[in-house]
Protein backbone atom coordinates (compact mmCIF):
# COMPACT_ATOMS: atom_id res chain seq x y z
CA MET A 1 2.83 -9.54 79.32
CA ALA A 2 0.39 -10.17 76.55
CA GLN A 3 1.36 -8.89 73.09
CA GLN A 4 -0.45 -5.84 71.73
CA GLU A 5 -2.52 -7.79 69.20
CA GLN A 6 -3.70 -10.10 72.04
CA LEU A 7 -4.82 -7.39 74.37
CA PRO A 8 -8.51 -7.18 74.99
CA LEU A 9 -9.12 -3.67 73.68
CA ALA A 10 -6.69 -3.69 70.76
CA GLY A 11 -8.03 -1.55 67.95
CA ILE A 12 -10.12 0.61 70.09
CA LYS A 13 -9.24 4.30 69.67
CA VAL A 14 -9.75 6.65 72.65
CA VAL A 15 -9.30 10.40 72.86
CA GLU A 16 -8.92 11.71 76.42
CA PHE A 17 -9.59 15.30 77.44
CA THR A 18 -8.95 15.00 81.15
CA HIS A 19 -6.86 15.96 84.19
CA MET A 20 -6.51 15.11 87.94
CA VAL A 21 -7.59 11.46 88.74
CA MET A 22 -11.05 10.44 87.69
CA GLY A 23 -10.69 10.94 83.95
CA PRO A 24 -6.98 9.81 83.70
CA ALA A 25 -7.90 6.76 85.69
CA ALA A 26 -10.61 5.76 83.30
CA GLY A 27 -8.37 6.39 80.29
CA GLY A 28 -5.51 4.50 82.07
CA ILE A 29 -7.74 1.42 82.60
CA LEU A 30 -8.60 1.40 78.93
CA ALA A 31 -4.95 1.97 77.87
CA ASP A 32 -3.76 -0.91 80.06
CA LEU A 33 -6.37 -3.15 78.43
CA GLY A 34 -4.92 -2.38 75.08
CA ALA A 35 -6.81 0.58 73.67
CA GLU A 36 -4.95 3.35 71.74
CA VAL A 37 -5.45 6.29 74.07
CA THR A 38 -4.42 9.75 73.02
CA LYS A 39 -4.24 12.25 75.82
CA VAL A 40 -4.98 15.77 74.59
CA GLU A 41 -3.35 18.44 76.86
CA PRO A 42 -2.54 22.09 76.68
CA CYS A 43 0.73 23.11 75.25
CA GLN A 44 1.89 23.93 78.72
CA GLY A 45 0.96 20.34 79.69
CA ASP A 46 -1.73 19.00 82.00
CA ASN A 47 -1.58 20.89 85.31
CA THR A 48 -1.68 17.60 87.05
CA ARG A 49 1.99 17.11 85.97
CA ARG A 50 3.01 19.95 88.33
CA LEU A 51 1.01 19.02 91.48
CA ARG A 52 2.97 18.44 94.70
CA GLY A 53 2.04 17.09 98.05
CA SER A 54 -0.59 14.30 98.03
CA GLY A 55 -1.19 15.08 94.32
CA ALA A 56 2.43 14.44 93.28
CA GLY A 57 1.64 10.89 92.18
CA TYR A 58 -1.50 11.50 90.19
CA PHE A 59 0.14 11.84 86.82
CA ALA A 60 2.67 9.04 87.26
CA MET A 61 0.01 6.55 88.25
CA TYR A 62 -2.73 7.03 85.72
CA ASN A 63 -1.04 8.07 82.40
CA ARG A 64 1.11 5.27 81.34
CA ASN A 65 0.45 3.49 77.99
CA LYS A 66 -0.90 6.74 76.49
CA ARG A 67 0.17 9.09 73.70
CA SER A 68 0.42 12.85 74.49
CA LEU A 69 -0.88 15.37 71.88
CA ALA A 70 -0.33 19.00 73.11
CA LEU A 71 -2.67 21.41 71.47
CA ASP A 72 -4.19 24.91 71.84
CA LEU A 73 -7.81 23.85 71.74
CA LYS A 74 -8.95 27.50 71.85
CA SER A 75 -7.38 28.06 68.37
CA LYS A 76 -9.11 27.06 65.11
CA GLU A 77 -6.11 25.09 64.03
CA GLY A 78 -5.83 23.16 67.37
CA LYS A 79 -9.51 22.45 67.56
CA ASP A 80 -9.45 21.20 63.85
CA ILE A 81 -6.70 18.65 64.84
CA ALA A 82 -8.73 17.54 67.84
CA LEU A 83 -11.90 17.17 65.61
CA ARG A 84 -9.95 15.08 63.11
CA LEU A 85 -8.77 12.85 65.88
CA VAL A 86 -12.30 12.38 67.22
CA ASP A 87 -13.60 11.57 63.78
CA GLU A 88 -11.54 8.41 63.84
CA ALA A 89 -12.20 7.54 67.53
CA ASP A 90 -14.42 5.08 69.18
CA VAL A 91 -14.42 6.78 72.55
CA VAL A 92 -14.02 10.17 73.93
CA ILE A 93 -13.41 10.77 77.72
CA GLU A 94 -13.74 14.16 79.40
CA ASN A 95 -13.93 15.21 83.07
CA PHE A 96 -14.06 19.01 82.92
CA ARG A 97 -16.57 21.37 84.46
CA HIS A 98 -20.25 21.14 83.40
CA GLY A 99 -20.53 22.84 79.96
CA ALA A 100 -16.82 23.33 79.48
CA MET A 101 -16.57 21.01 76.45
CA ASP A 102 -19.77 22.39 74.91
CA ARG A 103 -18.25 25.85 74.99
CA LEU A 104 -15.27 24.50 73.08
CA GLY A 105 -17.48 22.91 70.44
CA LEU A 106 -16.27 19.52 71.80
CA GLY A 107 -19.54 18.40 73.54
CA TYR A 108 -21.38 15.37 72.78
CA ALA A 109 -23.99 16.91 70.44
CA ASP A 110 -21.29 18.40 68.14
CA LEU A 111 -19.00 15.28 68.14
CA SER A 112 -21.77 12.75 67.73
CA ALA A 113 -23.07 14.71 64.70
CA ARG A 114 -19.63 14.26 63.07
CA ASN A 115 -19.14 10.61 64.39
CA PRO A 116 -22.43 8.86 65.12
CA ARG A 117 -20.63 5.69 66.33
CA LEU A 118 -18.82 7.71 69.04
CA VAL A 119 -19.11 6.69 72.73
CA TYR A 120 -18.74 9.88 74.76
CA CYS A 121 -17.97 9.46 78.39
CA SER A 122 -18.43 12.44 80.80
CA LEU A 123 -17.14 12.11 84.30
CA LYS A 124 -18.73 14.59 86.53
CA GLY A 125 -19.40 15.55 90.20
CA PHE A 126 -23.09 14.57 89.88
CA LEU A 127 -25.49 12.91 87.57
CA SER A 128 -28.66 14.55 86.32
CA GLY A 129 -30.59 16.41 89.11
CA PRO A 130 -30.62 19.53 91.24
CA TYR A 131 -26.76 19.25 91.91
CA GLU A 132 -25.65 18.57 88.40
CA HIS A 133 -24.36 22.06 87.91
CA ARG A 134 -22.07 21.88 91.02
CA THR A 135 -18.30 21.35 90.81
CA ALA A 136 -17.20 18.49 93.03
CA LEU A 137 -14.08 16.79 94.33
CA ASP A 138 -13.43 13.30 95.72
CA GLU A 139 -13.24 14.74 99.22
CA VAL A 140 -16.46 16.87 98.70
CA THR A 141 -18.51 13.82 97.85
CA GLN A 142 -16.83 11.65 100.55
CA MET A 143 -18.18 14.26 103.02
CA MET A 144 -21.66 14.68 101.65
CA GLY A 145 -22.07 11.07 100.74
CA GLY A 146 -21.43 9.66 104.19
CA LEU A 147 -18.08 7.96 103.51
CA ALA A 148 -16.07 10.35 105.56
CA TYR A 149 -18.45 9.87 108.43
CA MET A 150 -18.18 6.15 108.19
CA THR A 151 -14.42 6.23 108.09
CA GLY A 152 -13.67 8.61 110.87
CA LEU A 153 -14.58 9.08 114.49
CA PRO A 154 -18.18 10.07 115.47
CA ASP A 155 -17.16 13.68 115.77
CA ARG A 156 -14.40 13.87 113.18
CA PRO A 157 -15.28 12.84 109.66
CA LEU A 158 -12.17 11.61 107.82
CA ARG A 159 -11.63 11.01 104.07
CA ALA A 160 -10.41 7.67 102.99
CA GLY A 161 -6.60 7.43 102.59
CA THR A 162 -6.68 7.36 98.80
CA SER A 163 -8.70 8.96 96.02
CA VAL A 164 -11.12 6.10 96.25
CA VAL A 165 -14.22 7.90 94.73
CA ASP A 166 -12.17 9.41 91.84
CA ILE A 167 -10.82 5.92 91.03
CA THR A 168 -14.07 3.93 91.49
CA GLY A 169 -15.95 6.62 89.61
CA GLY A 170 -13.47 6.19 86.77
CA MET A 171 -14.00 2.47 86.87
CA PHE A 172 -17.77 2.87 86.61
CA GLY A 173 -17.10 5.14 83.65
CA VAL A 174 -15.16 2.27 82.00
CA ILE A 175 -17.89 -0.18 82.75
CA ALA A 176 -20.35 2.27 81.03
CA ILE A 177 -17.98 2.73 78.10
CA LEU A 178 -17.57 -0.99 77.53
CA SER A 179 -21.29 -1.55 77.88
CA ALA A 180 -21.95 1.22 75.23
CA LEU A 181 -19.35 -0.31 72.91
CA GLN A 182 -21.04 -3.72 73.21
CA GLN A 183 -24.43 -2.03 72.53
CA ARG A 184 -23.07 -0.40 69.46
CA GLN A 185 -22.44 -3.75 68.03
CA THR A 186 -26.10 -4.18 67.45
CA SER A 187 -27.37 -0.55 67.24
CA GLY A 188 -24.55 0.74 65.03
CA ARG A 189 -24.54 4.03 67.07
CA GLY A 190 -22.64 5.28 70.03
CA GLN A 191 -24.10 7.31 72.92
CA GLN A 192 -23.14 9.54 75.74
CA VAL A 193 -22.55 7.76 79.19
CA THR A 194 -21.94 9.52 82.41
CA SER A 195 -20.35 8.54 85.72
CA SER A 196 -20.15 10.77 88.80
CA LEU A 197 -18.44 11.16 92.12
CA PHE A 198 -21.48 11.68 94.36
CA GLU A 199 -23.46 8.71 93.10
CA THR A 200 -20.43 6.60 93.19
CA THR A 201 -20.03 7.51 96.83
CA ALA A 202 -23.66 6.75 97.58
CA TYR A 203 -23.19 3.26 95.79
CA LEU A 204 -20.15 2.61 98.10
CA VAL A 205 -21.96 3.41 101.24
CA GLY A 206 -25.06 1.60 100.03
CA GLN A 207 -24.17 -1.29 102.21
CA HIS A 208 -24.57 0.91 105.36
CA MET A 209 -27.90 2.32 104.03
CA ALA A 210 -29.04 -1.30 103.68
CA GLN A 211 -27.64 -2.05 107.23
CA GLN A 212 -30.03 0.63 108.63
CA ALA A 213 -32.89 -0.67 106.63
CA VAL A 214 -32.37 -4.18 107.84
CA THR A 215 -31.56 -3.39 111.59
CA GLY A 216 -33.64 -0.27 112.09
CA GLU A 217 -30.57 1.34 113.50
CA GLU A 218 -28.30 4.03 112.15
CA PRO A 219 -24.86 2.52 111.64
CA PRO A 220 -22.07 3.96 113.63
CA PRO A 221 -18.75 4.88 111.98
CA MET A 222 -16.50 1.85 111.26
CA SER A 223 -13.97 3.22 113.77
CA VAL A 224 -16.44 2.50 116.64
CA ARG A 225 -18.61 -0.16 115.03
CA ARG A 226 -19.92 -3.29 116.76
CA SER A 227 -17.92 -6.05 115.28
CA ALA A 228 -19.88 -8.78 113.47
CA TRP A 229 -17.13 -11.27 114.42
CA SER A 230 -15.48 -12.31 117.61
CA VAL A 231 -11.88 -11.93 116.49
CA TYR A 232 -11.54 -9.05 114.08
CA ASP A 233 -8.87 -6.92 115.54
CA ILE A 234 -5.21 -5.57 115.43
CA PHE A 235 -2.84 -7.39 117.83
CA LEU A 236 0.60 -6.68 118.99
CA SER A 237 3.44 -9.17 118.51
CA LYS A 238 6.38 -9.63 120.92
CA GLU A 239 8.20 -6.87 119.23
CA ASN A 240 5.21 -4.62 119.44
CA GLU A 241 4.62 -4.94 115.68
CA ARG A 242 0.94 -4.79 114.66
CA VAL A 243 -0.95 -7.54 112.77
CA PHE A 244 -4.66 -7.68 111.89
CA VAL A 245 -6.35 -11.02 112.49
CA GLY A 246 -9.85 -12.01 111.47
CA VAL A 247 -11.57 -15.23 112.58
CA VAL A 248 -14.88 -14.96 110.84
CA SER A 249 -16.38 -18.47 110.87
CA ASP A 250 -16.75 -21.40 113.15
CA THR A 251 -14.51 -23.44 110.85
CA LEU A 252 -11.82 -20.78 111.25
CA TRP A 253 -12.25 -20.67 114.89
CA ARG A 254 -11.57 -24.41 115.33
CA ALA A 255 -8.55 -24.16 112.95
CA PHE A 256 -7.29 -21.12 115.05
CA CYS A 257 -7.70 -23.05 118.25
CA GLU A 258 -5.99 -26.18 116.83
CA GLU A 259 -2.98 -24.20 115.49
CA PHE A 260 -2.35 -22.39 118.71
CA ASP A 261 -3.17 -25.12 121.18
CA LEU A 262 -6.12 -23.36 122.71
CA ASP A 263 -7.88 -26.55 123.82
CA GLU A 264 -9.67 -24.86 126.63
CA LEU A 265 -11.27 -22.30 124.36
CA ALA A 266 -12.05 -24.96 121.67
CA ASN A 267 -13.84 -27.09 124.23
CA ASP A 268 -15.87 -24.27 125.72
CA PRO A 269 -19.49 -24.78 124.47
CA ALA A 270 -20.15 -21.02 125.10
CA LEU A 271 -17.63 -20.24 122.33
CA SER A 272 -18.82 -22.86 119.72
CA SER A 273 -20.70 -20.29 117.71
CA ASN A 274 -19.76 -16.86 116.44
CA ALA A 275 -22.55 -15.23 118.33
CA GLY A 276 -21.40 -16.80 121.53
CA ARG A 277 -17.83 -15.68 120.90
CA VAL A 278 -19.00 -12.05 120.21
CA ALA A 279 -20.85 -12.06 123.49
CA ALA A 280 -17.61 -13.22 125.17
CA ARG A 281 -15.16 -10.75 123.59
CA ASP A 282 -14.49 -9.04 126.83
CA ARG A 283 -12.82 -12.26 128.18
CA LEU A 284 -11.71 -13.73 124.81
CA ILE A 285 -9.67 -10.85 123.38
CA PRO A 286 -7.34 -10.33 126.31
CA GLN A 287 -6.35 -13.99 126.14
CA ILE A 288 -5.59 -13.90 122.43
CA SER A 289 -3.80 -10.62 122.96
CA ALA A 290 -1.53 -12.21 125.52
CA LEU A 291 -0.93 -15.21 123.25
CA PHE A 292 0.27 -13.10 120.28
CA ALA A 293 2.31 -10.85 122.62
CA SER A 294 4.41 -13.96 123.44
CA LEU A 295 5.10 -14.62 119.81
CA SER A 296 7.42 -12.86 117.26
CA LYS A 297 5.61 -11.18 114.34
CA ASN A 298 7.09 -13.72 111.83
CA GLU A 299 6.16 -16.70 113.93
CA MET A 300 2.55 -15.32 114.47
CA MET A 301 2.06 -14.74 110.78
CA ALA A 302 3.54 -18.09 109.75
CA ARG A 303 1.24 -19.99 112.02
CA LEU A 304 -1.82 -17.94 111.06
CA ASP A 305 -0.91 -18.62 107.37
CA ARG A 306 -0.59 -22.34 108.03
CA ALA A 307 -3.99 -22.37 109.65
CA GLY A 308 -5.61 -20.61 106.78
CA ILE A 309 -6.56 -17.60 109.11
CA PRO A 310 -6.97 -14.18 107.37
CA PHE A 311 -4.29 -11.83 108.60
CA ALA A 312 -2.30 -8.81 107.51
CA PRO A 313 0.68 -6.87 108.76
CA ILE A 314 -0.04 -3.15 109.00
CA ASN A 315 1.88 -1.78 106.07
CA LYS A 316 2.57 1.66 104.62
CA PRO A 317 2.34 2.30 100.88
CA ALA A 318 6.17 2.41 100.78
CA ASP A 319 6.25 -1.26 101.87
CA LEU A 320 4.52 -2.32 98.74
CA PHE A 321 7.49 -1.57 96.65
CA ASP A 322 9.19 -4.64 98.16
CA ASP A 323 6.07 -6.88 98.54
CA PRO A 324 6.81 -10.41 97.29
CA GLN A 325 3.37 -10.83 95.82
CA LEU A 326 3.46 -7.60 93.86
CA ASN A 327 6.96 -8.27 92.68
CA SER A 328 6.03 -11.61 91.20
CA ALA A 329 4.59 -12.09 87.64
CA GLY A 330 4.19 -8.50 86.77
CA GLY A 331 2.39 -7.06 89.75
CA LEU A 332 4.49 -3.85 89.48
CA ILE A 333 5.16 -2.06 86.33
CA PRO A 334 8.35 -0.19 85.76
CA VAL A 335 7.83 3.42 84.70
CA THR A 336 10.12 6.50 84.22
CA LEU A 337 9.05 9.64 86.08
CA GLU A 338 9.34 12.99 84.42
CA ASN A 339 12.51 13.71 86.46
CA GLY A 340 14.03 10.59 84.96
CA ILE A 341 13.88 8.53 88.05
CA GLU A 342 12.75 5.00 87.42
CA THR A 343 10.26 3.30 89.76
CA GLN A 344 7.60 0.63 89.83
CA LEU A 345 3.89 1.11 90.11
CA PRO A 346 0.96 -1.30 90.48
CA ALA A 347 -0.35 -2.98 87.40
CA LEU A 348 -3.99 -3.18 86.58
CA PRO A 349 -5.29 -5.82 89.17
CA VAL A 350 -6.60 -8.32 86.74
CA GLU A 351 -5.20 -11.37 84.83
CA PHE A 352 -6.08 -12.62 81.39
CA GLY A 353 -5.30 -16.26 80.97
CA GLY A 354 -2.93 -15.99 83.99
CA GLN A 355 -1.06 -12.95 82.47
CA ARG A 356 -0.82 -9.62 83.83
CA LEU A 357 -1.10 -6.47 81.68
CA GLY A 358 2.09 -4.52 81.46
CA LEU A 359 3.84 -1.43 79.90
CA ARG A 360 3.72 -0.59 76.16
CA ARG A 361 4.35 3.10 76.45
CA ASP A 362 6.21 4.83 79.33
CA LEU A 363 4.76 8.06 80.84
CA PRO A 364 4.62 10.56 77.92
CA GLU A 365 6.45 13.85 77.90
CA ILE A 366 4.27 16.87 77.06
CA GLY A 367 3.38 16.66 73.45
CA GLU A 368 5.66 13.66 72.96
CA HIS A 369 3.53 12.24 70.20
CA SER A 370 2.06 15.43 68.77
CA VAL A 371 3.96 15.12 65.46
CA GLU A 372 3.17 11.43 65.21
CA VAL A 373 -0.56 12.02 65.75
CA ALA A 374 -0.56 15.08 63.39
CA ARG A 375 0.99 13.16 60.59
CA SER A 376 -1.41 10.22 61.08
CA LEU A 377 -4.29 12.73 60.56
CA GLY A 378 -2.97 13.83 57.18
CA LEU A 379 -1.12 17.06 58.11
CA THR A 380 1.98 17.79 56.10
CA ASP A 381 5.30 18.42 57.53
CA GLU A 382 5.13 22.09 56.53
CA GLN A 383 1.75 22.46 58.28
CA ILE A 384 3.17 20.75 61.35
CA ASP A 385 6.25 22.99 61.47
CA ALA A 386 3.94 26.08 61.10
CA LEU A 387 1.71 25.07 63.98
CA ILE A 388 4.71 24.52 66.17
CA GLU A 389 6.19 27.81 65.29
CA GLN A 390 2.90 29.51 66.11
CA GLY A 391 2.72 27.80 69.54
CA LEU A 392 -0.50 25.99 68.66
CA LEU A 393 1.03 22.45 68.71
CA LEU A 394 3.86 21.36 70.99
CA GLY A 395 6.24 18.87 69.55
CA SER A 396 9.68 18.48 68.02
CA GLN A 397 10.17 19.97 64.55
CA ARG A 398 9.62 17.45 61.86
CA THR A 399 13.40 17.33 61.15
CA GLU A 400 13.89 16.24 64.74
CA ALA A 401 11.01 13.86 64.77
CA ALA A 402 11.37 11.92 61.66
CA ASN A 403 11.29 8.77 63.55
């Protein structure tokens, strides 16, 4: 893991007013890249901490490498601490409902007046336009943006199997933040940038919009699509284990035939081009299915790997905990959950000089760094104790938090 001073965003200070996935994902990316991210949450803690079901992993995945400052933002004293923190910040991230931050006096106009160099990132359901006032969710925009239609069956739209729009929307927010920080180098001023769920969804399905423009035909859902390649399917091994195989070029076709001794198919002129093989799928796929059904899963994958053919076992998320690739060179990061259980979760999927980015701070407890942050802003121990006693700041008393 790279040392703190070597991380790309070391020295950048971020204040995060967020919950759920989109905002914490944006802040989490910046934190992994080395920024000092302070998560401002209510004294009872971010509600995301208490989610169950499919939301039970949200907090654990997107809040490592952050400090937790627990404040009552509706109090004068709590808001004053937040404003002091923002005065020293480079970036603010928020993903609350339209107008919520303005009502708290923490909107872009108020904060930029105090700190003109501030880059203020709002993560919303919609960008400017007739929908901008609406509240949105990942699943809402997957439905209205065509992604659920393209994922499911023709009569059964289906959301993608992860919070893909929240996460990519947060990534677009990070791209905008980094661009604004770069622009600040010459302008000397920050600016407000906004990323959204709906427009992110539209960008993701833009390839299908382009497909319709190019072909003149409305694209069917991916579940019933017409394959662009001859072999692009899930096959069963001898043990009835599933493996996806994709032969997507003429070069790969020749390598595939050579590895599996398919001389008859290799010498068939009707199968020499991808177009010819697509036209012959009805006779080609049963032969390949029979071949794979005679092989064990391990033998099938070893030979596909040797031939350089794209393939994949059909895994569950649970299988990734033991994946050799992820378990090498920092692909999984150890974190301690709020219940004390230790686990490993995926690192940011980038390398810098061949090095992965790791853990500097474990998942924060509610208000774990409140006293540390308050002291750094110039509050005295007596002031901190008073705020804690009034319930406006959550943190250990100064005598318990001297270190």
